[in-house]
mmCIF file of all heavy atoms, coordinates in Angstrom:
data_MODEL
# 
_entry.id   MODEL 
# 
loop_
_atom_site.group_PDB 
_atom_site.id 
_atom_site.type_symbol 
_atom_site.label_atom_id 
_atom_site.label_alt_id 
_atom_site.label_comp_id 
_atom_site.label_asym_id 
_atom_site.label_entity_id 
_atom_site.label_seq_id 
_atom_site.pdbx_PDB_ins_code 
_atom_site.Cartn_x 
_atom_site.Cartn_y 
_atom_site.Cartn_z 
_atom_site.occupancy 
_atom_site.B_iso_or_equiv 
_atom_site.pdbx_formal_charge 
_atom_site.auth_seq_id 
_atom_site.auth_comp_id 
_atom_site.auth_asym_id 
_atom_site.auth_atom_id 
_atom_site.pdbx_PDB_model_num 
ATOM 1   N N   . LEU A 1 1  ? -47.998 -205.495 -109.916 1.00 0.00 ? 1  LEU A N   1 
ATOM 2   C CA  . LEU A 1 1  ? -47.335 -204.330 -110.546 1.00 0.00 ? 1  LEU A CA  1 
ATOM 3   C C   . LEU A 1 1  ? -47.364 -204.542 -112.077 1.00 0.00 ? 1  LEU A C   1 
ATOM 4   O O   . LEU A 1 1  ? -46.964 -205.576 -112.517 1.00 0.00 ? 1  LEU A O   1 
ATOM 5   C CB  . LEU A 1 1  ? -45.834 -204.266 -110.136 1.00 0.00 ? 1  LEU A CB  1 
ATOM 6   C CG  . LEU A 1 1  ? -45.626 -204.215 -108.499 1.00 0.00 ? 1  LEU A CG  1 
ATOM 7   C CD1 . LEU A 1 1  ? -44.179 -204.415 -108.220 1.00 0.00 ? 1  LEU A CD1 1 
ATOM 8   C CD2 . LEU A 1 1  ? -46.053 -202.876 -108.033 1.00 0.00 ? 1  LEU A CD2 1 
ATOM 9   N N   . LEU A 1 2  ? -47.913 -203.607 -112.720 1.00 0.00 ? 2  LEU A N   1 
ATOM 10  C CA  . LEU A 1 2  ? -48.036 -203.730 -114.156 1.00 0.00 ? 2  LEU A CA  1 
ATOM 11  C C   . LEU A 1 2  ? -46.770 -203.896 -114.883 1.00 0.00 ? 2  LEU A C   1 
ATOM 12  O O   . LEU A 1 2  ? -45.722 -203.248 -114.534 1.00 0.00 ? 2  LEU A O   1 
ATOM 13  C CB  . LEU A 1 2  ? -48.729 -202.526 -114.787 1.00 0.00 ? 2  LEU A CB  1 
ATOM 14  C CG  . LEU A 1 2  ? -50.198 -202.236 -114.266 1.00 0.00 ? 2  LEU A CG  1 
ATOM 15  C CD1 . LEU A 1 2  ? -50.713 -200.955 -114.839 1.00 0.00 ? 2  LEU A CD1 1 
ATOM 16  C CD2 . LEU A 1 2  ? -51.093 -203.418 -114.579 1.00 0.00 ? 2  LEU A CD2 1 
ATOM 17  N N   . ARG A 1 3  ? -46.652 -204.770 -115.808 1.00 0.00 ? 3  ARG A N   1 
ATOM 18  C CA  . ARG A 1 3  ? -45.460 -205.153 -116.512 1.00 0.00 ? 3  ARG A CA  1 
ATOM 19  C C   . ARG A 1 3  ? -45.725 -205.231 -118.015 1.00 0.00 ? 3  ARG A C   1 
ATOM 20  O O   . ARG A 1 3  ? -46.842 -205.869 -118.352 1.00 0.00 ? 3  ARG A O   1 
ATOM 21  C CB  . ARG A 1 3  ? -44.754 -206.431 -116.011 1.00 0.00 ? 3  ARG A CB  1 
ATOM 22  C CG  . ARG A 1 3  ? -43.456 -206.698 -116.620 1.00 0.00 ? 3  ARG A CG  1 
ATOM 23  C CD  . ARG A 1 3  ? -42.817 -207.986 -115.870 1.00 0.00 ? 3  ARG A CD  1 
ATOM 24  N NE  . ARG A 1 3  ? -43.519 -209.236 -116.170 1.00 0.00 ? 3  ARG A NE  1 
ATOM 25  C CZ  . ARG A 1 3  ? -43.370 -209.980 -117.214 1.00 0.00 ? 3  ARG A CZ  1 
ATOM 26  N NH1 . ARG A 1 3  ? -42.512 -209.615 -118.152 1.00 0.00 ? 3  ARG A NH1 1 
ATOM 27  N NH2 . ARG A 1 3  ? -44.083 -210.991 -117.423 1.00 0.00 ? 3  ARG A NH2 1 
ATOM 28  N N   . ALA A 1 4  ? -44.911 -204.702 -118.858 1.00 0.00 ? 4  ALA A N   1 
ATOM 29  C CA  . ALA A 1 4  ? -45.229 -204.821 -120.330 1.00 0.00 ? 4  ALA A CA  1 
ATOM 30  C C   . ALA A 1 4  ? -43.963 -205.480 -120.835 1.00 0.00 ? 4  ALA A C   1 
ATOM 31  O O   . ALA A 1 4  ? -42.784 -205.327 -120.428 1.00 0.00 ? 4  ALA A O   1 
ATOM 32  C CB  . ALA A 1 4  ? -45.377 -203.480 -120.881 1.00 0.00 ? 4  ALA A CB  1 
ATOM 33  N N   . SER A 1 5  ? -44.187 -206.235 -121.978 1.00 0.00 ? 5  SER A N   1 
ATOM 34  C CA  . SER A 1 5  ? -43.029 -206.900 -122.599 1.00 0.00 ? 5  SER A CA  1 
ATOM 35  C C   . SER A 1 5  ? -43.340 -207.022 -124.063 1.00 0.00 ? 5  SER A C   1 
ATOM 36  O O   . SER A 1 5  ? -44.490 -207.325 -124.473 1.00 0.00 ? 5  SER A O   1 
ATOM 37  C CB  . SER A 1 5  ? -42.757 -208.181 -122.023 1.00 0.00 ? 5  SER A CB  1 
ATOM 38  O OG  . SER A 1 5  ? -41.651 -208.961 -122.667 1.00 0.00 ? 5  SER A OG  1 
ATOM 39  N N   . PHE A 1 6  ? -42.331 -206.859 -124.856 1.00 0.00 ? 6  PHE A N   1 
ATOM 40  C CA  . PHE A 1 6  ? -42.375 -207.182 -126.370 1.00 0.00 ? 6  PHE A CA  1 
ATOM 41  C C   . PHE A 1 6  ? -42.365 -208.693 -126.627 1.00 0.00 ? 6  PHE A C   1 
ATOM 42  O O   . PHE A 1 6  ? -42.723 -209.148 -127.708 1.00 0.00 ? 6  PHE A O   1 
ATOM 43  C CB  . PHE A 1 6  ? -41.387 -206.335 -127.116 1.00 0.00 ? 6  PHE A CB  1 
ATOM 44  C CG  . PHE A 1 6  ? -41.594 -204.898 -127.058 1.00 0.00 ? 6  PHE A CG  1 
ATOM 45  C CD1 . PHE A 1 6  ? -40.687 -204.153 -126.356 1.00 0.00 ? 6  PHE A CD1 1 
ATOM 46  C CD2 . PHE A 1 6  ? -42.530 -204.297 -127.785 1.00 0.00 ? 6  PHE A CD2 1 
ATOM 47  C CE1 . PHE A 1 6  ? -40.939 -202.775 -126.225 1.00 0.00 ? 6  PHE A CE1 1 
ATOM 48  C CE2 . PHE A 1 6  ? -42.737 -202.890 -127.742 1.00 0.00 ? 6  PHE A CE2 1 
ATOM 49  C CZ  . PHE A 1 6  ? -41.876 -202.216 -126.957 1.00 0.00 ? 6  PHE A CZ  1 
ATOM 50  N N   . ASP A 1 7  ? -41.908 -209.451 -125.701 1.00 0.00 ? 7  ASP A N   1 
ATOM 51  C CA  . ASP A 1 7  ? -41.722 -210.844 -125.825 1.00 0.00 ? 7  ASP A CA  1 
ATOM 52  C C   . ASP A 1 7  ? -43.031 -211.523 -125.278 1.00 0.00 ? 7  ASP A C   1 
ATOM 53  O O   . ASP A 1 7  ? -43.226 -211.546 -124.137 1.00 0.00 ? 7  ASP A O   1 
ATOM 54  C CB  . ASP A 1 7  ? -40.579 -211.308 -125.072 1.00 0.00 ? 7  ASP A CB  1 
ATOM 55  C CG  . ASP A 1 7  ? -40.214 -212.877 -125.346 1.00 0.00 ? 7  ASP A CG  1 
ATOM 56  O OD1 . ASP A 1 7  ? -40.908 -213.441 -126.073 1.00 0.00 ? 7  ASP A OD1 1 
ATOM 57  O OD2 . ASP A 1 7  ? -39.316 -213.366 -124.647 1.00 0.00 ? 7  ASP A OD2 1 
ATOM 58  N N   . SER A 1 8  ? -43.815 -212.217 -126.157 1.00 0.00 ? 8  SER A N   1 
ATOM 59  C CA  . SER A 1 8  ? -45.023 -212.777 -125.702 1.00 0.00 ? 8  SER A CA  1 
ATOM 60  C C   . SER A 1 8  ? -44.799 -214.264 -125.461 1.00 0.00 ? 8  SER A C   1 
ATOM 61  O O   . SER A 1 8  ? -45.719 -215.023 -125.034 1.00 0.00 ? 8  SER A O   1 
ATOM 62  C CB  . SER A 1 8  ? -46.092 -212.576 -126.581 1.00 0.00 ? 8  SER A CB  1 
ATOM 63  O OG  . SER A 1 8  ? -45.807 -213.020 -127.939 1.00 0.00 ? 8  SER A OG  1 
ATOM 64  N N   . VAL A 1 9  ? -43.580 -214.913 -125.666 1.00 0.00 ? 9  VAL A N   1 
ATOM 65  C CA  . VAL A 1 9  ? -43.428 -216.281 -125.549 1.00 0.00 ? 9  VAL A CA  1 
ATOM 66  C C   . VAL A 1 9  ? -43.044 -216.660 -124.089 1.00 0.00 ? 9  VAL A C   1 
ATOM 67  O O   . VAL A 1 9  ? -42.352 -215.908 -123.389 1.00 0.00 ? 9  VAL A O   1 
ATOM 68  C CB  . VAL A 1 9  ? -42.244 -216.703 -126.514 1.00 0.00 ? 9  VAL A CB  1 
ATOM 69  C CG1 . VAL A 1 9  ? -41.892 -218.219 -126.292 1.00 0.00 ? 9  VAL A CG1 1 
ATOM 70  C CG2 . VAL A 1 9  ? -42.592 -216.476 -127.865 1.00 0.00 ? 9  VAL A CG2 1 
ATOM 71  N N   . CYS A 1 10 ? -43.617 -217.705 -123.674 1.00 0.00 ? 10 CYS A N   1 
ATOM 72  C CA  . CYS A 1 10 ? -43.220 -218.345 -122.388 1.00 0.00 ? 10 CYS A CA  1 
ATOM 73  C C   . CYS A 1 10 ? -42.741 -219.747 -122.543 1.00 0.00 ? 10 CYS A C   1 
ATOM 74  O O   . CYS A 1 10 ? -43.347 -220.532 -123.246 1.00 0.00 ? 10 CYS A O   1 
ATOM 75  C CB  . CYS A 1 10 ? -44.502 -218.307 -121.484 1.00 0.00 ? 10 CYS A CB  1 
ATOM 76  S SG  . CYS A 1 10 ? -44.161 -218.818 -119.767 1.00 0.00 ? 10 CYS A SG  1 
ATOM 77  N N   . ASN A 1 11 ? -41.520 -220.053 -121.988 1.00 0.00 ? 11 ASN A N   1 
ATOM 78  C CA  . ASN A 1 11 ? -40.983 -221.373 -122.137 1.00 0.00 ? 11 ASN A CA  1 
ATOM 79  C C   . ASN A 1 11 ? -41.012 -222.152 -120.779 1.00 0.00 ? 11 ASN A C   1 
ATOM 80  O O   . ASN A 1 11 ? -41.580 -221.556 -119.793 1.00 0.00 ? 11 ASN A O   1 
ATOM 81  C CB  . ASN A 1 11 ? -39.567 -221.394 -122.664 1.00 0.00 ? 11 ASN A CB  1 
ATOM 82  C CG  . ASN A 1 11 ? -38.622 -220.716 -121.888 1.00 0.00 ? 11 ASN A CG  1 
ATOM 83  O OD1 . ASN A 1 11 ? -38.809 -220.408 -120.645 1.00 0.00 ? 11 ASN A OD1 1 
ATOM 84  N ND2 . ASN A 1 11 ? -37.426 -220.430 -122.444 1.00 0.00 ? 11 ASN A ND2 1 
ATOM 85  N N   . ARG A 1 12 ? -40.549 -223.380 -120.720 1.00 0.00 ? 12 ARG A N   1 
ATOM 86  C CA  . ARG A 1 12 ? -40.672 -224.195 -119.499 1.00 0.00 ? 12 ARG A CA  1 
ATOM 87  C C   . ARG A 1 12 ? -39.823 -223.526 -118.450 1.00 0.00 ? 12 ARG A C   1 
ATOM 88  O O   . ARG A 1 12 ? -40.284 -223.565 -117.241 1.00 0.00 ? 12 ARG A O   1 
ATOM 89  C CB  . ARG A 1 12 ? -40.126 -225.582 -119.844 1.00 0.00 ? 12 ARG A CB  1 
ATOM 90  C CG  . ARG A 1 12 ? -40.355 -226.589 -118.725 1.00 0.00 ? 12 ARG A CG  1 
ATOM 91  C CD  . ARG A 1 12 ? -39.937 -228.098 -119.147 1.00 0.00 ? 12 ARG A CD  1 
ATOM 92  N NE  . ARG A 1 12 ? -38.574 -228.255 -119.179 1.00 0.00 ? 12 ARG A NE  1 
ATOM 93  C CZ  . ARG A 1 12 ? -37.930 -228.720 -118.013 1.00 0.00 ? 12 ARG A CZ  1 
ATOM 94  N NH1 . ARG A 1 12 ? -38.629 -228.806 -116.972 1.00 0.00 ? 12 ARG A NH1 1 
ATOM 95  N NH2 . ARG A 1 12 ? -36.637 -228.919 -118.131 1.00 0.00 ? 12 ARG A NH2 1 
ATOM 96  N N   . PHE A 1 13 ? -38.697 -223.035 -118.726 1.00 0.00 ? 13 PHE A N   1 
ATOM 97  C CA  . PHE A 1 13 ? -37.847 -222.293 -117.667 1.00 0.00 ? 13 PHE A CA  1 
ATOM 98  C C   . PHE A 1 13 ? -38.569 -221.102 -117.195 1.00 0.00 ? 13 PHE A C   1 
ATOM 99  O O   . PHE A 1 13 ? -38.428 -220.646 -116.076 1.00 0.00 ? 13 PHE A O   1 
ATOM 100 C CB  . PHE A 1 13 ? -36.440 -221.955 -118.170 1.00 0.00 ? 13 PHE A CB  1 
ATOM 101 C CG  . PHE A 1 13 ? -35.493 -223.103 -118.167 1.00 0.00 ? 13 PHE A CG  1 
ATOM 102 C CD1 . PHE A 1 13 ? -35.883 -224.329 -118.007 1.00 0.00 ? 13 PHE A CD1 1 
ATOM 103 C CD2 . PHE A 1 13 ? -34.196 -222.822 -118.273 1.00 0.00 ? 13 PHE A CD2 1 
ATOM 104 C CE1 . PHE A 1 13 ? -34.889 -225.460 -117.831 1.00 0.00 ? 13 PHE A CE1 1 
ATOM 105 C CE2 . PHE A 1 13 ? -33.240 -223.795 -118.164 1.00 0.00 ? 13 PHE A CE2 1 
ATOM 106 C CZ  . PHE A 1 13 ? -33.617 -225.159 -118.004 1.00 0.00 ? 13 PHE A CZ  1 
ATOM 107 N N   . GLY A 1 14 ? -39.345 -220.494 -118.077 1.00 0.00 ? 14 GLY A N   1 
ATOM 108 C CA  . GLY A 1 14 ? -40.131 -219.284 -117.693 1.00 0.00 ? 14 GLY A CA  1 
ATOM 109 C C   . GLY A 1 14 ? -41.132 -219.584 -116.645 1.00 0.00 ? 14 GLY A C   1 
ATOM 110 O O   . GLY A 1 14 ? -41.374 -218.812 -115.589 1.00 0.00 ? 14 GLY A O   1 
ATOM 111 N N   . ILE A 1 15 ? -41.755 -220.761 -116.874 1.00 0.00 ? 15 ILE A N   1 
ATOM 112 C CA  . ILE A 1 15 ? -42.794 -221.206 -115.867 1.00 0.00 ? 15 ILE A CA  1 
ATOM 113 C C   . ILE A 1 15 ? -42.107 -221.470 -114.504 1.00 0.00 ? 15 ILE A C   1 
ATOM 114 O O   . ILE A 1 15 ? -42.652 -221.033 -113.471 1.00 0.00 ? 15 ILE A O   1 
ATOM 115 C CB  . ILE A 1 15 ? -43.468 -222.456 -116.334 1.00 0.00 ? 15 ILE A CB  1 
ATOM 116 C CG1 . ILE A 1 15 ? -44.201 -222.198 -117.669 1.00 0.00 ? 15 ILE A CG1 1 
ATOM 117 C CG2 . ILE A 1 15 ? -44.477 -223.092 -115.273 1.00 0.00 ? 15 ILE A CG2 1 
ATOM 118 C CD1 . ILE A 1 15 ? -45.447 -221.293 -117.573 1.00 0.00 ? 15 ILE A CD1 1 
ATOM 119 N N   . LYS A 1 16 ? -40.959 -222.095 -114.572 1.00 0.00 ? 16 LYS A N   1 
ATOM 120 C CA  . LYS A 1 16 ? -40.242 -222.362 -113.268 1.00 0.00 ? 16 LYS A CA  1 
ATOM 121 C C   . LYS A 1 16 ? -39.804 -220.998 -112.596 1.00 0.00 ? 16 LYS A C   1 
ATOM 122 O O   . LYS A 1 16 ? -40.010 -220.979 -111.302 1.00 0.00 ? 16 LYS A O   1 
ATOM 123 C CB  . LYS A 1 16 ? -39.061 -223.230 -113.578 1.00 0.00 ? 16 LYS A CB  1 
ATOM 124 C CG  . LYS A 1 16 ? -39.297 -224.565 -113.965 1.00 0.00 ? 16 LYS A CG  1 
ATOM 125 C CD  . LYS A 1 16 ? -38.063 -225.421 -114.191 1.00 0.00 ? 16 LYS A CD  1 
ATOM 126 C CE  . LYS A 1 16 ? -38.215 -226.870 -113.798 1.00 0.00 ? 16 LYS A CE  1 
ATOM 127 N NZ  . LYS A 1 16 ? -37.195 -227.478 -113.137 1.00 0.00 ? 16 LYS A NZ  1 
ATOM 128 N N   . LEU A 1 17 ? -39.377 -220.050 -113.421 1.00 0.00 ? 17 LEU A N   1 
ATOM 129 C CA  . LEU A 1 17 ? -39.034 -218.767 -112.932 1.00 0.00 ? 17 LEU A CA  1 
ATOM 130 C C   . LEU A 1 17 ? -40.217 -218.070 -112.154 1.00 0.00 ? 17 LEU A C   1 
ATOM 131 O O   . LEU A 1 17 ? -40.048 -217.553 -111.144 1.00 0.00 ? 17 LEU A O   1 
ATOM 132 C CB  . LEU A 1 17 ? -38.335 -217.822 -113.886 1.00 0.00 ? 17 LEU A CB  1 
ATOM 133 C CG  . LEU A 1 17 ? -37.928 -216.484 -113.404 1.00 0.00 ? 17 LEU A CG  1 
ATOM 134 C CD1 . LEU A 1 17 ? -36.915 -216.527 -112.301 1.00 0.00 ? 17 LEU A CD1 1 
ATOM 135 C CD2 . LEU A 1 17 ? -37.492 -215.685 -114.600 1.00 0.00 ? 17 LEU A CD2 1 
ATOM 136 N N   . LEU A 1 18 ? -41.445 -218.145 -112.913 1.00 0.00 ? 18 LEU A N   1 
ATOM 137 C CA  . LEU A 1 18 ? -42.470 -217.555 -112.295 1.00 0.00 ? 18 LEU A CA  1 
ATOM 138 C C   . LEU A 1 18 ? -42.912 -218.189 -111.029 1.00 0.00 ? 18 LEU A C   1 
ATOM 139 O O   . LEU A 1 18 ? -43.413 -217.498 -110.060 1.00 0.00 ? 18 LEU A O   1 
ATOM 140 C CB  . LEU A 1 18 ? -43.619 -217.594 -113.316 1.00 0.00 ? 18 LEU A CB  1 
ATOM 141 C CG  . LEU A 1 18 ? -43.446 -216.671 -114.584 1.00 0.00 ? 18 LEU A CG  1 
ATOM 142 C CD1 . LEU A 1 18 ? -44.511 -216.966 -115.560 1.00 0.00 ? 18 LEU A CD1 1 
ATOM 143 C CD2 . LEU A 1 18 ? -43.455 -215.253 -114.178 1.00 0.00 ? 18 LEU A CD2 1 
ATOM 144 N N   . ASP A 1 19 ? -42.702 -219.486 -110.903 1.00 0.00 ? 19 ASP A N   1 
ATOM 145 C CA  . ASP A 1 19 ? -42.988 -220.161 -109.678 1.00 0.00 ? 19 ASP A CA  1 
ATOM 146 C C   . ASP A 1 19 ? -42.180 -219.671 -108.502 1.00 0.00 ? 19 ASP A C   1 
ATOM 147 O O   . ASP A 1 19 ? -42.598 -219.488 -107.421 1.00 0.00 ? 19 ASP A O   1 
ATOM 148 C CB  . ASP A 1 19 ? -42.906 -221.694 -109.832 1.00 0.00 ? 19 ASP A CB  1 
ATOM 149 C CG  . ASP A 1 19 ? -44.113 -222.296 -110.582 1.00 0.00 ? 19 ASP A CG  1 
ATOM 150 O OD1 . ASP A 1 19 ? -45.140 -221.633 -110.800 1.00 0.00 ? 19 ASP A OD1 1 
ATOM 151 O OD2 . ASP A 1 19 ? -43.942 -223.402 -111.111 1.00 0.00 ? 19 ASP A OD2 1 
ATOM 152 N N   . VAL A 1 20 ? -40.887 -219.518 -108.831 1.00 0.00 ? 20 VAL A N   1 
ATOM 153 C CA  . VAL A 1 20 ? -39.900 -218.922 -107.833 1.00 0.00 ? 20 VAL A CA  1 
ATOM 154 C C   . VAL A 1 20 ? -40.404 -217.649 -107.453 1.00 0.00 ? 20 VAL A C   1 
ATOM 155 O O   . VAL A 1 20 ? -40.391 -217.297 -106.243 1.00 0.00 ? 20 VAL A O   1 
ATOM 156 C CB  . VAL A 1 20 ? -38.448 -219.032 -108.412 1.00 0.00 ? 20 VAL A CB  1 
ATOM 157 C CG1 . VAL A 1 20 ? -37.464 -218.277 -107.403 1.00 0.00 ? 20 VAL A CG1 1 
ATOM 158 C CG2 . VAL A 1 20 ? -37.988 -220.416 -108.691 1.00 0.00 ? 20 VAL A CG2 1 
ATOM 159 N N   . CYS A 1 21 ? -40.673 -216.740 -108.386 1.00 0.00 ? 21 CYS A N   1 
ATOM 160 C CA  . CYS A 1 21 ? -41.085 -215.424 -108.102 1.00 0.00 ? 21 CYS A CA  1 
ATOM 161 C C   . CYS A 1 21 ? -42.340 -215.346 -107.132 1.00 0.00 ? 21 CYS A C   1 
ATOM 162 O O   . CYS A 1 21 ? -42.363 -214.679 -106.111 1.00 0.00 ? 21 CYS A O   1 
ATOM 163 C CB  . CYS A 1 21 ? -41.447 -214.612 -109.348 1.00 0.00 ? 21 CYS A CB  1 
ATOM 164 S SG  . CYS A 1 21 ? -40.016 -214.204 -110.350 1.00 0.00 ? 21 CYS A SG  1 
ATOM 165 N N   . LYS A 1 22 ? -43.224 -216.290 -107.409 1.00 0.00 ? 22 LYS A N   1 
ATOM 166 C CA  . LYS A 1 22 ? -44.452 -216.225 -106.668 1.00 0.00 ? 22 LYS A CA  1 
ATOM 167 C C   . LYS A 1 22 ? -44.286 -216.741 -105.258 1.00 0.00 ? 22 LYS A C   1 
ATOM 168 O O   . LYS A 1 22 ? -44.855 -216.339 -104.251 1.00 0.00 ? 22 LYS A O   1 
ATOM 169 C CB  . LYS A 1 22 ? -45.534 -217.167 -107.276 1.00 0.00 ? 22 LYS A CB  1 
ATOM 170 C CG  . LYS A 1 22 ? -46.115 -216.432 -108.595 1.00 0.00 ? 22 LYS A CG  1 
ATOM 171 C CD  . LYS A 1 22 ? -46.985 -217.438 -109.332 1.00 0.00 ? 22 LYS A CD  1 
ATOM 172 C CE  . LYS A 1 22 ? -47.412 -216.766 -110.716 1.00 0.00 ? 22 LYS A CE  1 
ATOM 173 N NZ  . LYS A 1 22 ? -48.230 -217.710 -111.546 1.00 0.00 ? 22 LYS A NZ  1 
ATOM 174 N N   . SER A 1 23 ? -43.332 -217.719 -105.065 1.00 0.00 ? 23 SER A N   1 
ATOM 175 C CA  . SER A 1 23 ? -43.147 -218.337 -103.798 1.00 0.00 ? 23 SER A CA  1 
ATOM 176 C C   . SER A 1 23 ? -42.139 -217.484 -102.960 1.00 0.00 ? 23 SER A C   1 
ATOM 177 O O   . SER A 1 23 ? -42.116 -217.728 -101.664 1.00 0.00 ? 23 SER A O   1 
ATOM 178 C CB  . SER A 1 23 ? -42.609 -219.776 -103.919 1.00 0.00 ? 23 SER A CB  1 
ATOM 179 O OG  . SER A 1 23 ? -41.214 -219.725 -104.390 1.00 0.00 ? 23 SER A OG  1 
ATOM 180 N N   . THR A 1 24 ? -41.449 -216.606 -103.507 1.00 0.00 ? 24 THR A N   1 
ATOM 181 C CA  . THR A 1 24 ? -40.395 -215.758 -102.750 1.00 0.00 ? 24 THR A CA  1 
ATOM 182 C C   . THR A 1 24 ? -40.796 -214.321 -102.687 1.00 0.00 ? 24 THR A C   1 
ATOM 183 O O   . THR A 1 24 ? -39.997 -213.557 -102.068 1.00 0.00 ? 24 THR A O   1 
ATOM 184 C CB  . THR A 1 24 ? -39.039 -216.008 -103.299 1.00 0.00 ? 24 THR A CB  1 
ATOM 185 O OG1 . THR A 1 24 ? -39.029 -215.552 -104.659 1.00 0.00 ? 24 THR A OG1 1 
ATOM 186 C CG2 . THR A 1 24 ? -38.600 -217.471 -103.241 1.00 0.00 ? 24 THR A CG2 1 
ATOM 187 N N   . CYS A 1 25 ? -41.791 -213.924 -103.376 1.00 0.00 ? 25 CYS A N   1 
ATOM 188 C CA  . CYS A 1 25 ? -42.163 -212.439 -103.500 1.00 0.00 ? 25 CYS A CA  1 
ATOM 189 C C   . CYS A 1 25 ? -41.184 -211.668 -104.204 1.00 0.00 ? 25 CYS A C   1 
ATOM 190 O O   . CYS A 1 25 ? -40.945 -210.464 -103.981 1.00 0.00 ? 25 CYS A O   1 
ATOM 191 C CB  . CYS A 1 25 ? -42.394 -211.763 -102.139 1.00 0.00 ? 25 CYS A CB  1 
ATOM 192 S SG  . CYS A 1 25 ? -43.970 -212.410 -101.251 1.00 0.00 ? 25 CYS A SG  1 
# 
């Protein structure tokens, strides 16, 4: 699903959150 953001920074917690999103849909 296309997503746009003005924030281009990714931090360590962001990586963890993305992993949670991917594993739980």
